[in-house]
Amino acid sequence: MIILQWCRSLQRTLAELRDYQQKHDAWKQQQQKLMSEQASRSEKIEQTVSYETYKLRLANEGVGERVKTLLLARLKLSSITVQQIS
């Protein structure tokens, strides 16, 4: 009787281990697929540098436009002042 219980217990344990192995194999396949689809570290760095450079370029263009607007406004004010004095 004890031997039968022990045998059934071992069979349940073996079934649990097989189930775990199947789940682990599926997880391992997903991880391998994920790794193959991800960009490499150097590609990620290159993309980040490109994006940051793009943001800086946009920011500088915005600053340039604001400076132009301020200079034009000053020129208009100075020409009005000169005309008023004349």
Protein backbone atom coordinates (compact mmCIF):
# COMPACT_ATOMS: atom_id res chain seq x y z
CA MET A 1 0.00 0.00 0.00
CA ILE A 2 2.76 2.45 0.93
CA ILE A 3 4.63 1.59 -2.23
CA LEU A 4 1.52 2.41 -4.34
CA GLN A 5 1.09 5.78 -2.61
CA TRP A 6 4.75 6.55 -3.08
CA CYS A 7 4.52 5.54 -6.75
CA ARG A 8 1.45 7.79 -7.32
CA SER A 9 3.20 10.65 -5.58
CA LEU A 10 6.20 10.22 -7.84
CA GLN A 11 3.94 10.10 -10.91
CA ARG A 12 2.25 13.38 -9.86
CA THR A 13 5.62 14.97 -9.29
CA LEU A 14 6.81 13.75 -12.68
CA ALA A 15 3.65 15.14 -14.35
CA GLU A 16 4.21 18.51 -12.61
CA LEU A 17 7.83 18.57 -13.77
CA ARG A 18 6.78 17.80 -17.36
CA ASP A 19 4.18 20.58 -17.21
CA TYR A 20 6.78 22.99 -15.83
CA GLN A 21 9.25 21.97 -18.55
CA GLN A 22 6.65 22.66 -21.27
CA LYS A 23 5.89 26.08 -19.81
CA HIS A 24 9.59 26.83 -19.48
CA ASP A 25 10.25 25.78 -23.08
CA ALA A 26 7.42 28.05 -24.29
CA TRP A 27 8.81 30.93 -22.22
CA LYS A 28 12.31 30.28 -23.58
CA GLN A 29 11.02 30.40 -27.16
CA GLN A 30 9.25 33.70 -26.48
CA GLN A 31 12.43 35.16 -24.99
CA GLN A 32 14.49 34.05 -27.99
CA LYS A 33 11.94 35.57 -30.36
CA LEU A 34 11.93 38.80 -28.37
CA MET A 35 15.72 38.99 -28.39
CA SER A 36 15.87 38.41 -32.14
CA GLU A 37 13.32 41.17 -32.81
CA GLN A 38 14.88 43.81 -30.56
CA ALA A 39 17.37 46.33 -31.85
CA SER A 40 20.96 45.79 -30.82
CA ARG A 41 22.52 48.00 -28.17
CA SER A 42 24.50 49.95 -30.79
CA GLU A 43 21.33 50.50 -32.85
CA LYS A 44 19.50 51.80 -29.78
CA ILE A 45 22.36 54.19 -29.00
CA GLU A 46 22.46 55.39 -32.61
CA GLN A 47 18.70 56.00 -32.60
CA THR A 48 18.91 57.90 -29.30
CA VAL A 49 21.75 60.11 -30.56
CA SER A 50 19.87 60.82 -33.78
CA TYR A 51 16.72 61.73 -31.88
CA GLU A 52 18.55 63.99 -29.43
CA THR A 53 20.36 65.71 -32.33
CA TYR A 54 17.01 66.24 -34.04
CA LYS A 55 15.53 67.77 -30.85
CA LEU A 56 18.53 70.12 -30.51
CA ARG A 57 18.22 71.17 -34.14
CA LEU A 58 14.53 71.95 -33.64
CA ALA A 59 15.25 73.88 -30.47
CA ASN A 60 17.97 75.91 -32.21
CA GLU A 61 15.67 76.68 -35.13
CA GLY A 62 13.05 77.87 -32.67
CA VAL A 63 15.59 80.09 -30.93
CA GLY A 64 16.70 81.48 -34.29
CA GLU A 65 13.12 82.37 -35.20
CA ARG A 66 12.55 84.08 -31.85
CA VAL A 67 15.78 86.08 -32.24
CA LYS A 68 14.74 87.17 -35.74
CA THR A 69 11.35 88.26 -34.43
CA LEU A 70 12.95 90.26 -31.60
CA LEU A 71 15.45 91.91 -33.94
CA LEU A 72 12.70 92.89 -36.37
CA ALA A 73 10.65 94.31 -33.53
CA ARG A 74 13.64 96.35 -32.34
CA LEU A 75 14.30 97.59 -35.85
CA LYS A 76 10.70 98.69 -36.19
CA LEU A 77 10.86 100.46 -32.83
CA SER A 78 14.12 102.16 -33.69
CA SER A 79 12.82 103.29 -37.09
CA ILE A 80 9.69 104.69 -35.43
CA THR A 81 11.85 106.51 -32.90
CA VAL A 82 14.12 107.91 -35.63
CA GLN A 83 11.10 109.05 -37.67
CA GLN A 84 9.54 110.70 -34.65
CA ILE A 85 12.74 112.59 -33.89
CA SER A 86 13.19 113.73 -37.50
